[in-house]
């Protein structure tokens, strides 16, 4: 069994087509088909059910695929580790980003990383903080920017606190809470915000229930003993802002995501939620690329306890 054969199996499984898989792997289709058939003979199993128009994994193929992917990842990691021993960082950097990153200038940081380590392929993944911590601990993600409620633990990973920020209410421009044309809207309590929203016929929009992005707001309202109804849920920040612009909802976001956005205003919240941003990576076996990114960001690779005050990452 060869790594190239496993690459071909993964390519066919992901494209659902032998021709597209061959194009991805930059080989002729006959060579790819021959190698997969040779692997099936070696295994004594059929990995793909084939017709002239359709290709699907068999039950054996479904069972084979995760281990094949893991083997390919391990081979890439081995090459990266060997290169790192000579001072060259290679391989892939898998980065997880929550939808509300404000604590680090991601494009600038990745540009600096690419200039320093051009042989590393960078892959970005969107998602939630809980999913990212699980993926890092499982070895399927190198680093991630997390956003957690104040006091929530960072579990199963090494981390550095990047920043703490008070979230703000986001209302349409011209809203009664938005202040005058020059801005300067006065702060409002959560109770007053909820009462105003309820009395004005609008409603709240927020991230999906159960996510860390939602939890920070839910905890703040619970501490204030204020009930609110969230009628719209979305992970897409742009969609949340569009709903606010339409006058349909009020939402709660980091101030950095609101600054400069047309048609919306930020309103400070007394007793409002606090979001803590972290950079997280493997506490067990960080990849050379992950350690190199920490170097670019001027962060120590030793895990850090949650600081009492804010800590801003170096802007690069």
Protein backbone atom coordinates (compact mmCIF):
# COMPACT_ATOMS: atom_id res chain seq x y z
CA UNK A 1 0.00 0.00 0.00
CA UNK A 2 1.44 3.36 -1.03
CA UNK A 3 0.69 6.91 0.03
CA UNK A 4 -0.02 7.85 -3.58
CA UNK A 5 -2.75 5.22 -3.75
CA UNK A 6 -4.35 6.70 -0.65
CA UNK A 7 -4.16 10.19 -2.19
CA UNK A 8 -6.02 8.88 -5.23
CA UNK A 9 -8.72 7.28 -3.06
CA UNK A 10 -9.23 10.51 -1.12
CA UNK A 11 -9.38 12.54 -4.36
CA UNK A 12 -12.02 10.28 -5.90
CA UNK A 13 -14.04 10.28 -2.67
CA UNK A 14 -13.98 14.09 -2.47
CA UNK A 15 -14.67 14.80 -6.14
CA UNK A 16 -17.03 11.87 -6.78
CA UNK A 17 -15.46 11.45 -10.19
CA UNK A 18 -12.36 9.66 -11.53
CA UNK A 19 -11.70 12.30 -14.19
CA UNK A 20 -11.81 15.23 -11.75
CA UNK A 21 -9.73 13.27 -9.25
CA UNK A 22 -7.07 12.65 -11.90
CA UNK A 23 -7.04 16.34 -12.77
CA UNK A 24 -6.61 17.24 -9.11
CA UNK A 25 -3.75 14.77 -8.71
CA UNK A 26 -2.22 15.81 -12.07
CA UNK A 27 -2.12 12.30 -13.51
CA UNK A 28 -3.91 10.65 -16.40
CA UNK A 29 -7.15 8.94 -15.44
CA UNK A 30 -5.97 5.51 -16.54
CA UNK A 31 -3.02 5.67 -14.13
CA UNK A 32 -5.23 6.73 -11.24
CA UNK A 33 -7.80 4.01 -11.96
CA UNK A 34 -5.05 1.40 -12.25
CA UNK A 35 -3.56 2.32 -8.89
CA UNK A 36 -6.93 2.22 -7.12
CA UNK A 37 -7.70 -1.19 -8.63
CA UNK A 38 -4.27 -2.43 -7.52
CA UNK A 39 -5.00 -1.22 -3.99
CA UNK A 40 -8.39 -2.94 -4.01
CA UNK A 41 -6.74 -6.20 -5.09
CA UNK A 42 -4.17 -5.86 -2.30
CA UNK A 43 -6.90 -5.22 0.27
CA UNK A 44 -9.26 -7.83 -1.14
CA UNK A 45 -12.01 -5.20 -0.96
CA UNK A 46 -13.95 -2.93 -3.29
CA UNK A 47 -13.59 0.69 -2.21
CA UNK A 48 -15.83 2.28 -4.86
CA UNK A 49 -19.08 1.26 -6.52
CA UNK A 50 -18.74 2.38 -10.14
CA UNK A 51 -20.92 2.88 -13.16
CA UNK A 52 -20.24 4.94 -16.27
CA UNK A 53 -22.08 7.87 -14.67
CA UNK A 54 -21.73 7.40 -10.95
CA UNK A 55 -19.05 6.72 -8.34
CA UNK A 56 -19.74 6.10 -4.65
CA UNK A 57 -17.77 4.78 -1.71
CA UNK A 58 -18.72 1.29 -0.58
CA UNK A 59 -19.03 0.47 3.10
CA UNK A 60 -15.40 -0.69 3.01
CA UNK A 61 -14.44 2.56 1.30
CA UNK A 62 -16.22 4.61 3.96
CA UNK A 63 -14.28 2.73 6.64
CA UNK A 64 -10.97 3.12 4.76
CA UNK A 65 -11.25 6.85 4.06
CA UNK A 66 -10.66 8.33 7.57
CA UNK A 67 -7.54 6.24 8.12
CA UNK A 68 -6.27 7.15 4.65
CA UNK A 69 -6.69 10.85 5.42
CA UNK A 70 -4.96 10.39 8.77
CA UNK A 71 -2.05 8.58 7.11
CA UNK A 72 -1.61 11.34 4.55
CA UNK A 73 -1.72 13.97 7.30
CA UNK A 74 0.87 12.04 9.30
CA UNK A 75 3.13 11.82 6.24
CA UNK A 76 2.85 15.58 5.70
CA UNK A 77 3.60 16.16 9.38
CA UNK A 78 6.68 13.91 9.13
CA UNK A 79 8.01 15.95 6.21
CA UNK A 80 7.32 19.18 8.05
CA UNK A 81 9.08 17.96 11.21
CA UNK A 82 12.13 16.85 9.22
CA UNK A 83 12.31 20.20 7.45
CA UNK A 84 11.92 22.05 10.75
CA UNK A 85 14.97 20.23 12.09
CA UNK A 86 17.00 22.01 9.43
CA UNK A 87 15.41 25.38 10.19
CA UNK A 88 12.88 25.35 7.33
CA UNK A 89 9.16 25.43 8.11
CA UNK A 90 7.04 23.49 5.61
CA UNK A 91 3.69 21.71 5.48
CA UNK A 92 0.25 23.16 6.11
CA UNK A 93 -1.02 25.68 8.65
CA UNK A 94 -4.69 25.03 9.46
CA UNK A 95 -6.21 28.12 11.09
CA UNK A 96 -9.66 28.34 12.69
CA UNK A 97 -11.36 31.73 12.82
CA UNK A 98 -14.55 32.63 14.67
CA UNK A 99 -16.87 35.02 12.74
CA UNK A 100 -16.10 37.94 15.07
CA UNK A 101 -12.30 38.21 15.08
CA UNK A 102 -11.19 41.68 16.20
CA UNK A 103 -8.22 41.00 18.50
CA UNK A 104 -5.74 40.35 15.70
CA UNK A 105 -5.34 41.69 12.17
CA UNK A 106 -5.61 38.30 10.47
CA UNK A 107 -4.71 39.35 6.88
CA UNK A 108 -1.65 41.26 8.09
CA UNK A 109 -0.54 38.42 10.36
CA UNK A 110 -0.87 35.81 7.62
CA UNK A 111 0.92 38.06 5.14
CA UNK A 112 3.84 38.38 7.55
CA UNK A 113 3.80 34.63 8.16
CA UNK A 114 3.81 33.90 4.42
CA UNK A 115 6.75 36.24 3.85
CA UNK A 116 8.70 34.48 6.60
CA UNK A 117 7.65 30.93 5.66
CA UNK A 118 6.65 30.80 1.97
CA UNK A 119 6.80 26.99 1.81
CA UNK A 120 3.82 26.61 4.20
CA UNK A 121 0.34 26.22 2.71
CA UNK A 122 -2.26 28.15 4.71
CA UNK A 123 -5.83 26.88 5.10
CA UNK A 124 -8.53 28.91 6.85
CA UNK A 125 -11.60 27.39 8.50
CA UNK A 126 -14.65 29.14 9.93
CA UNK A 127 -16.59 27.87 12.92
CA UNK A 128 -17.16 28.15 16.65
CA UNK A 129 -14.75 28.19 19.58
CA UNK A 130 -15.94 24.87 21.05
CA UNK A 131 -15.48 23.11 17.71
CA UNK A 132 -12.02 24.60 17.31
CA UNK A 133 -10.83 23.51 20.76
CA UNK A 134 -11.98 19.96 20.03
CA UNK A 135 -10.28 19.97 16.62
CA UNK A 136 -6.98 21.26 18.03
CA UNK A 137 -6.99 18.63 20.76
CA UNK A 138 -7.71 15.96 18.13
CA UNK A 139 -4.83 17.15 15.96
CA UNK A 140 -6.97 18.22 12.98
CA UNK A 141 -6.42 21.98 13.45
CA UNK A 142 -3.17 23.82 14.18
CA UNK A 143 -4.27 27.13 15.69
CA UNK A 144 -7.47 29.08 16.20
CA UNK A 145 -8.69 32.44 17.38
CA UNK A 146 -11.33 31.86 20.06
CA UNK A 147 -13.94 34.15 21.59
CA UNK A 148 -15.33 33.05 24.96
CA UNK A 149 -17.45 34.60 27.72
CA UNK A 150 -15.49 36.11 30.58
CA UNK A 151 -14.68 33.35 33.05
CA UNK A 152 -15.25 30.48 30.60
CA UNK A 153 -12.34 28.02 30.60
CA UNK A 154 -10.15 27.27 27.62
CA UNK A 155 -10.05 23.46 27.68
CA UNK A 156 -7.78 20.85 26.13
CA UNK A 157 -5.46 23.31 24.38
CA UNK A 158 -2.65 25.74 25.07
CA UNK A 159 -3.67 29.36 24.81
CA UNK A 160 -2.70 33.00 25.11
CA UNK A 161 -5.17 35.72 25.94
CA UNK A 162 -5.25 38.35 23.22
CA UNK A 163 -7.80 40.92 24.39
CA UNK A 164 -10.93 41.57 26.44
CA UNK A 165 -13.68 43.77 25.10
CA UNK A 166 -17.10 44.92 26.19
CA UNK A 167 -19.77 44.14 23.63
CA UNK A 168 -22.15 46.84 22.42
CA UNK A 169 -25.73 46.98 21.27
CA UNK A 170 -26.04 47.55 17.53
CA UNK A 171 -29.05 49.58 16.38
CA UNK A 172 -30.07 51.11 13.05
CA UNK A 173 -28.87 54.59 12.22
CA UNK A 174 -31.60 57.02 13.23
CA UNK A 175 -32.82 54.71 16.01
CA UNK A 176 -33.97 56.40 19.22
CA UNK A 177 -30.95 54.90 21.04
CA UNK A 178 -28.43 55.90 18.38
CA UNK A 179 -27.86 59.48 19.55
CA UNK A 180 -27.55 62.50 17.31
CA UNK A 181 -25.97 62.75 13.87
CA UNK A 182 -22.55 63.15 15.41
CA UNK A 183 -22.86 59.99 17.47
CA UNK A 184 -22.23 60.01 21.19
CA UNK A 185 -25.14 57.77 22.11
CA UNK A 186 -25.43 57.42 25.92
CA UNK A 187 -24.86 54.04 27.52
CA UNK A 188 -27.92 51.95 28.30
CA UNK A 189 -28.52 49.07 30.70
CA UNK A 190 -29.54 45.62 29.54
CA UNK A 191 -32.92 46.05 31.23
CA UNK A 192 -33.54 49.35 29.44
CA UNK A 193 -32.40 47.85 26.12
CA UNK A 194 -34.74 44.87 26.47
CA UNK A 195 -37.65 47.11 27.45
CA UNK A 196 -36.97 49.46 24.53
CA UNK A 197 -36.74 46.59 22.02
CA UNK A 198 -39.91 44.99 23.33
CA UNK A 199 -41.80 48.29 23.30
CA UNK A 200 -40.59 49.28 19.85
CA UNK A 201 -41.83 46.25 17.97
CA UNK A 202 -38.33 45.05 17.07
CA UNK A 203 -36.64 41.96 18.43
CA UNK A 204 -33.17 40.59 19.17
CA UNK A 205 -30.90 38.76 16.76
CA UNK A 206 -27.90 36.80 18.01
CA UNK A 207 -25.68 33.84 17.30
CA UNK A 208 -27.25 30.36 17.58
CA UNK A 209 -28.15 29.16 21.07
CA UNK A 210 -25.46 27.02 22.68
CA UNK A 211 -22.52 28.66 20.90
CA UNK A 212 -19.89 30.62 22.86
CA UNK A 213 -20.77 33.71 20.81
CA UNK A 214 -24.33 33.53 22.12
CA UNK A 215 -23.43 32.36 25.62
CA UNK A 216 -21.65 35.59 26.55
CA UNK A 217 -24.83 37.61 25.93
CA UNK A 218 -27.14 35.05 27.53
CA UNK A 219 -24.99 35.05 30.69
CA UNK A 220 -25.04 38.85 30.90
CA UNK A 221 -28.83 39.01 30.59
CA UNK A 222 -29.20 36.20 33.14
CA UNK A 223 -26.95 38.01 35.63
CA UNK A 224 -29.01 41.15 35.14
CA UNK A 225 -32.21 39.07 35.61
CA UNK A 226 -33.52 40.38 32.33
CA UNK A 227 -35.49 38.21 29.92
CA UNK A 228 -35.17 38.71 26.18
CA UNK A 229 -36.55 36.94 23.15
CA UNK A 230 -34.14 36.13 20.33
CA UNK A 231 -36.20 35.66 17.20
CA UNK A 232 -33.35 35.58 14.65
CA UNK A 233 -30.23 33.41 14.88
CA UNK A 234 -27.30 33.52 12.45
CA UNK A 235 -23.56 32.83 12.42
CA UNK A 236 -22.95 35.35 9.63
CA UNK A 237 -22.03 38.77 11.07
CA UNK A 238 -22.81 40.49 7.76
CA UNK A 239 -26.34 39.06 7.86
CA UNK A 240 -26.85 40.23 11.45
CA UNK A 241 -25.78 43.75 10.46
CA UNK A 242 -28.08 43.69 7.44
CA UNK A 243 -31.01 42.76 9.68
CA UNK A 244 -30.17 45.71 11.92
CA UNK A 245 -29.96 48.08 8.92
CA UNK A 246 -33.40 46.91 7.85
CA UNK A 247 -34.78 48.04 11.20
CA UNK A 248 -35.87 44.50 12.01
CA UNK A 249 -33.61 43.68 14.94
CA UNK A 250 -31.12 44.86 17.53
CA UNK A 251 -28.04 42.72 18.08
CA UNK A 252 -24.97 42.63 20.36
CA UNK A 253 -21.46 42.50 18.87
CA UNK A 254 -17.86 43.58 19.51
CA UNK A 255 -17.47 47.31 18.82
CA UNK A 256 -14.69 46.61 16.32
CA UNK A 257 -17.16 44.92 13.98
CA UNK A 258 -19.47 47.93 13.98
CA UNK A 259 -16.99 50.77 13.47
CA UNK A 260 -17.24 52.16 9.95
CA UNK A 261 -20.27 50.06 9.02
CA UNK A 262 -22.88 52.19 7.24
CA UNK A 263 -26.44 52.36 8.53
CA UNK A 264 -25.76 51.09 12.05
CA UNK A 265 -24.67 52.59 15.36
CA UNK A 266 -22.98 51.11 18.44
CA UNK A 267 -24.50 51.80 21.87
CA UNK A 268 -22.48 51.10 25.03
CA UNK A 269 -24.04 48.64 27.47
CA UNK A 270 -23.81 49.10 31.22
CA UNK A 271 -23.29 45.64 32.70
CA UNK A 272 -23.10 44.19 29.21
CA UNK A 273 -21.26 41.06 28.05
CA UNK A 274 -17.47 40.80 27.98
CA UNK A 275 -15.81 38.70 25.29
CA UNK A 276 -12.29 37.32 25.86
CA UNK A 277 -10.26 36.49 22.75
CA UNK A 278 -7.56 33.83 22.77
CA UNK A 279 -5.11 32.28 20.38
CA UNK A 280 -5.14 28.51 20.93
CA UNK A 281 -2.88 25.70 19.75
CA UNK A 282 -2.01 22.13 20.69
CA UNK A 283 -0.79 21.67 24.25
CA UNK A 284 0.48 18.19 23.38
CA UNK A 285 2.28 18.37 20.05
CA UNK A 286 2.13 21.72 18.24
CA UNK A 287 3.14 21.63 14.59
CA UNK A 288 6.23 23.53 13.40
CA UNK A 289 3.93 25.84 11.42
CA UNK A 290 1.86 26.60 14.52
CA UNK A 291 4.97 27.47 16.52
CA UNK A 292 6.19 29.63 13.64
CA UNK A 293 2.92 31.58 13.67
CA UNK A 294 3.34 32.21 17.39
CA UNK A 295 6.77 33.58 16.59
CA UNK A 296 5.38 35.92 13.96
CA UNK A 297 2.77 37.17 16.45
CA UNK A 298 5.47 37.57 19.12
CA UNK A 299 3.68 35.17 21.47
CA UNK A 300 5.40 32.72 23.80
CA UNK A 301 4.58 29.08 23.04
CA UNK A 302 4.24 28.29 26.75
CA UNK A 303 0.57 28.17 27.84
CA UNK A 304 -0.64 31.19 29.77
CA UNK A 305 -3.26 31.46 32.48
CA UNK A 306 -6.05 33.95 31.94
CA UNK A 307 -4.67 37.39 32.68
CA UNK A 308 -6.48 39.82 34.95
CA UNK A 309 -6.27 42.62 32.44
CA UNK A 310 -6.40 42.98 28.70
CA UNK A 311 -3.49 41.84 26.61
CA UNK A 312 -3.30 42.94 22.98
CA UNK A 313 -1.49 40.84 20.42
CA UNK A 314 1.27 42.57 18.50
CA UNK A 315 -0.13 44.05 15.32
CA UNK A 316 1.89 42.87 12.32
